Amino acid sequence: MKKLLCGALVSAALLTLAGCQSNEVKTAAAPAPQLNNQDLYEVSHEGRHYVFDDYATYKSFLEVGETAYRKVYIGGGPHGETLVFGLRGKDKKKAEGIAGIDMYQGKLAAAAGFYGEMRGEDGRLYVFSTLEDMKAVRETGEAAYRFTQIGAGPDGQTVVFVLNKSNKKKRPDALMAQFKEVNGL
């Protein structure tokens, strides 16, 4: 009888524990996608317009003159030239969702604290704190408001810090410091 009573108590305890279990499947929240929209780099070179959303790819292009992976749009550049998007290895098979392309086409807003560089055929290096300013210079070829430093670039280029109506009366010290940090100066 003792064995029967102990067996009944164990069975009751197991049933109670089983009743507390949940059949709900718990899934981890998917990590937020990384947009890679904090910076953009453009280079006009040999009749083509190159765009990069990754500093390492941009830097490699400046050293070698080519990119390992790219998406090319004949006649898609700001003035009808060939438009080349230099891609990171992990973006090479994507058909969409590439930050550089999406930002260039106006489909993706820039992150807060945006930084951009544009190297023109004229040898000048334009530096931006907003994507809107970058787009305006890309279209017109000129910066309406600017702070210029001759010989301040990595290779002695003239550096043009592009300003806008909201900051045209202030020296762009924060943007200048960011430029130096990005370029290791």
Protein backbone atom coordinates (compact mmCIF):
# COMPACT_ATOMS: atom_id res chain seq x y z
CA MET A 1 0.00 0.00 0.00
CA LYS A 2 2.88 2.32 0.75
CA LYS A 3 4.28 1.66 -2.73
CA LEU A 4 0.90 2.40 -4.30
CA LEU A 5 0.50 5.65 -2.32
CA CYS A 6 4.05 6.80 -3.20
CA GLY A 7 3.44 5.99 -6.87
CA ALA A 8 0.20 7.98 -6.85
CA LEU A 9 1.93 10.98 -5.25
CA VAL A 10 4.77 10.88 -7.81
CA SER A 11 2.25 10.63 -10.68
CA ALA A 12 0.25 13.57 -9.31
CA ALA A 13 3.41 15.65 -8.97
CA LEU A 14 4.46 14.85 -12.54
CA LEU A 15 1.01 15.75 -13.87
CA THR A 16 1.14 19.06 -11.99
CA LEU A 17 4.56 19.85 -13.44
CA ALA A 18 3.45 18.86 -16.92
CA GLY A 19 0.46 21.17 -16.62
CA CYS A 20 2.79 24.12 -15.94
CA GLN A 21 4.71 23.66 -19.13
CA SER A 22 3.84 25.79 -22.10
CA ASN A 23 3.67 24.63 -25.67
CA GLU A 24 4.44 28.18 -26.82
CA VAL A 25 7.50 28.32 -29.04
CA LYS A 26 9.77 31.13 -28.00
CA THR A 27 11.76 32.78 -30.75
CA ALA A 28 14.49 35.31 -30.35
CA ALA A 29 13.71 38.72 -31.78
CA ALA A 30 15.33 39.15 -35.16
CA PRO A 31 18.18 41.61 -34.99
CA ALA A 32 17.47 44.94 -36.63
CA PRO A 33 19.00 45.11 -40.08
CA GLN A 34 22.12 47.22 -40.33
CA LEU A 35 21.35 49.96 -42.81
CA ASN A 36 24.93 51.13 -43.46
CA ASN A 37 23.58 54.64 -44.11
CA GLN A 38 25.97 56.64 -41.95
CA ASP A 39 28.43 57.51 -44.74
CA LEU A 40 28.74 57.76 -48.51
CA TYR A 41 31.75 58.32 -50.77
CA GLU A 42 31.78 59.37 -54.42
CA VAL A 43 34.58 59.67 -56.96
CA SER A 44 34.54 61.03 -60.50
CA HIS A 45 37.28 59.11 -62.28
CA GLU A 46 38.06 58.54 -65.96
CA GLY A 47 34.59 59.53 -67.14
CA ARG A 48 32.77 57.37 -64.59
CA HIS A 49 31.03 58.24 -61.34
CA TYR A 50 31.77 55.78 -58.51
CA VAL A 51 29.70 55.50 -55.31
CA PHE A 52 30.65 53.60 -52.13
CA ASP A 53 28.78 53.05 -48.86
CA ASP A 54 31.78 51.45 -47.21
CA TYR A 55 34.99 53.28 -46.31
CA ALA A 56 37.24 50.22 -46.74
CA THR A 57 35.95 49.63 -50.28
CA TYR A 58 36.36 53.34 -51.08
CA LYS A 59 39.89 53.40 -49.68
CA SER A 60 40.80 50.29 -51.68
CA PHE A 61 39.45 51.93 -54.84
CA LEU A 62 41.58 55.03 -54.21
CA GLU A 63 44.67 52.82 -53.96
CA VAL A 64 43.95 50.39 -56.82
CA GLY A 65 41.59 52.29 -59.14
CA GLU A 66 39.07 49.43 -59.33
CA THR A 67 36.60 47.57 -57.14
CA ALA A 68 36.27 43.82 -56.79
CA TYR A 69 32.46 43.89 -56.85
CA ARG A 70 30.22 46.45 -58.49
CA LYS A 71 26.87 47.26 -60.01
CA VAL A 72 27.14 49.32 -63.18
CA TYR A 73 24.52 51.58 -64.79
CA ILE A 74 25.53 52.86 -68.22
CA GLY A 75 24.50 56.51 -68.53
CA GLY A 76 23.14 56.54 -64.96
CA GLY A 77 25.60 59.10 -63.56
CA PRO A 78 24.75 62.66 -62.58
CA HIS A 79 25.78 63.99 -66.01
CA GLY A 80 25.08 60.92 -68.14
CA GLU A 81 28.34 59.15 -67.39
CA THR A 82 28.56 55.51 -66.36
CA LEU A 83 27.52 55.07 -62.72
CA VAL A 84 29.41 52.41 -60.76
CA PHE A 85 28.44 51.31 -57.25
CA GLY A 86 31.41 49.71 -55.50
CA LEU A 87 30.09 46.87 -53.32
CA ARG A 88 31.24 45.04 -50.24
CA GLY A 89 31.66 41.29 -50.62
CA LYS A 90 28.52 40.62 -48.58
CA ASP A 91 26.44 42.86 -50.89
CA LYS A 92 27.60 41.41 -54.21
CA LYS A 93 24.68 38.98 -54.63
CA LYS A 94 21.96 41.34 -53.43
CA ALA A 95 19.42 42.59 -55.93
CA GLU A 96 18.12 45.24 -53.53
CA GLY A 97 18.72 46.66 -50.08
CA ILE A 98 22.19 48.05 -50.82
CA ALA A 99 22.60 51.24 -48.81
CA GLY A 100 24.80 53.10 -51.29
CA ILE A 101 22.36 52.56 -54.15
CA ASP A 102 19.31 53.31 -52.01
CA MET A 103 20.81 56.53 -50.59
CA TYR A 104 21.99 57.67 -54.03
CA GLN A 105 18.51 57.08 -55.46
CA GLY A 106 16.76 58.82 -52.54
CA LYS A 107 15.13 55.62 -51.22
CA LEU A 108 17.06 55.59 -47.93
CA ALA A 109 17.59 58.55 -45.62
CA ALA A 110 21.00 59.16 -44.14
CA ALA A 111 21.61 58.34 -40.50
CA ALA A 112 22.07 61.06 -37.91
CA GLY A 113 25.69 62.14 -37.93
CA PHE A 114 26.03 61.43 -41.67
CA TYR A 115 29.47 61.88 -43.26
CA GLY A 116 30.19 62.08 -46.97
CA GLU A 117 33.12 62.70 -49.28
CA MET A 118 33.17 63.45 -52.98
CA ARG A 119 36.34 63.59 -55.06
CA GLY A 120 35.96 65.57 -58.22
CA GLU A 121 37.95 65.48 -61.44
CA ASP A 122 39.20 68.95 -60.46
CA GLY A 123 41.28 67.39 -57.67
CA ARG A 124 39.18 68.89 -54.91
CA LEU A 125 37.81 66.86 -52.04
CA TYR A 126 34.30 67.88 -50.93
CA VAL A 127 33.19 66.91 -47.42
CA PHE A 128 29.53 66.78 -46.31
CA SER A 129 27.52 66.55 -43.13
CA THR A 130 24.19 66.00 -44.91
CA LEU A 131 23.11 63.79 -47.79
CA GLU A 132 20.99 66.65 -49.14
CA ASP A 133 24.08 68.87 -49.54
CA MET A 134 25.89 66.00 -51.26
CA LYS A 135 23.04 65.53 -53.71
CA ALA A 136 22.99 69.27 -54.53
CA VAL A 137 26.73 69.37 -55.26
CA ARG A 138 26.45 66.17 -57.31
CA GLU A 139 23.78 67.78 -59.48
CA THR A 140 25.26 71.27 -59.85
CA GLY A 141 28.98 70.58 -59.49
CA GLU A 142 29.30 73.47 -57.07
CA ALA A 143 28.76 74.16 -53.35
CA ALA A 144 26.77 77.32 -52.68
CA TYR A 145 28.12 77.60 -49.13
CA ARG A 146 31.55 76.30 -48.19
CA PHE A 147 34.60 76.54 -46.02
CA THR A 148 37.76 75.79 -48.01
CA GLN A 149 41.20 74.68 -46.84
CA ILE A 150 43.93 74.60 -49.45
CA GLY A 151 46.30 71.65 -49.18
CA ALA A 152 44.50 70.07 -46.20
CA GLY A 153 43.63 66.76 -47.93
CA PRO A 154 45.41 63.43 -47.52
CA ASP A 155 47.42 64.00 -50.72
CA GLY A 156 47.59 67.79 -50.41
CA GLN A 157 44.22 68.33 -52.11
CA THR A 158 42.09 71.36 -51.50
CA VAL A 159 39.31 70.36 -49.11
CA VAL A 160 35.90 72.00 -49.43
CA PHE A 161 33.67 71.58 -46.37
CA VAL A 162 30.17 72.00 -47.76
CA LEU A 163 27.77 74.08 -45.69
CA ASN A 164 24.14 75.06 -46.08
CA LYS A 165 21.80 77.90 -45.05
CA SER A 166 21.53 76.60 -41.49
CA ASN A 167 25.27 76.51 -40.77
CA LYS A 168 26.85 78.86 -43.31
CA LYS A 169 28.00 81.39 -40.70
CA LYS A 170 29.82 78.89 -38.48
CA ARG A 171 33.24 77.36 -38.94
CA PRO A 172 32.60 73.59 -39.45
CA ASP A 173 34.94 72.46 -36.65
CA ALA A 174 33.06 69.20 -35.94
CA LEU A 175 33.04 68.25 -39.65
CA MET A 176 36.72 69.17 -39.96
CA ALA A 177 37.57 66.95 -36.97
CA GLN A 178 35.51 64.10 -38.45
CA PHE A 179 37.33 64.49 -41.78
CA LYS A 180 40.69 64.25 -40.05
CA GLU A 181 39.61 61.20 -38.08
CA VAL A 182 38.21 59.37 -41.13
CA ASN A 183 41.32 60.08 -43.18
CA GLY A 184 43.83 59.44 -40.41
CA LEU A 185 45.25 62.96 -40.47
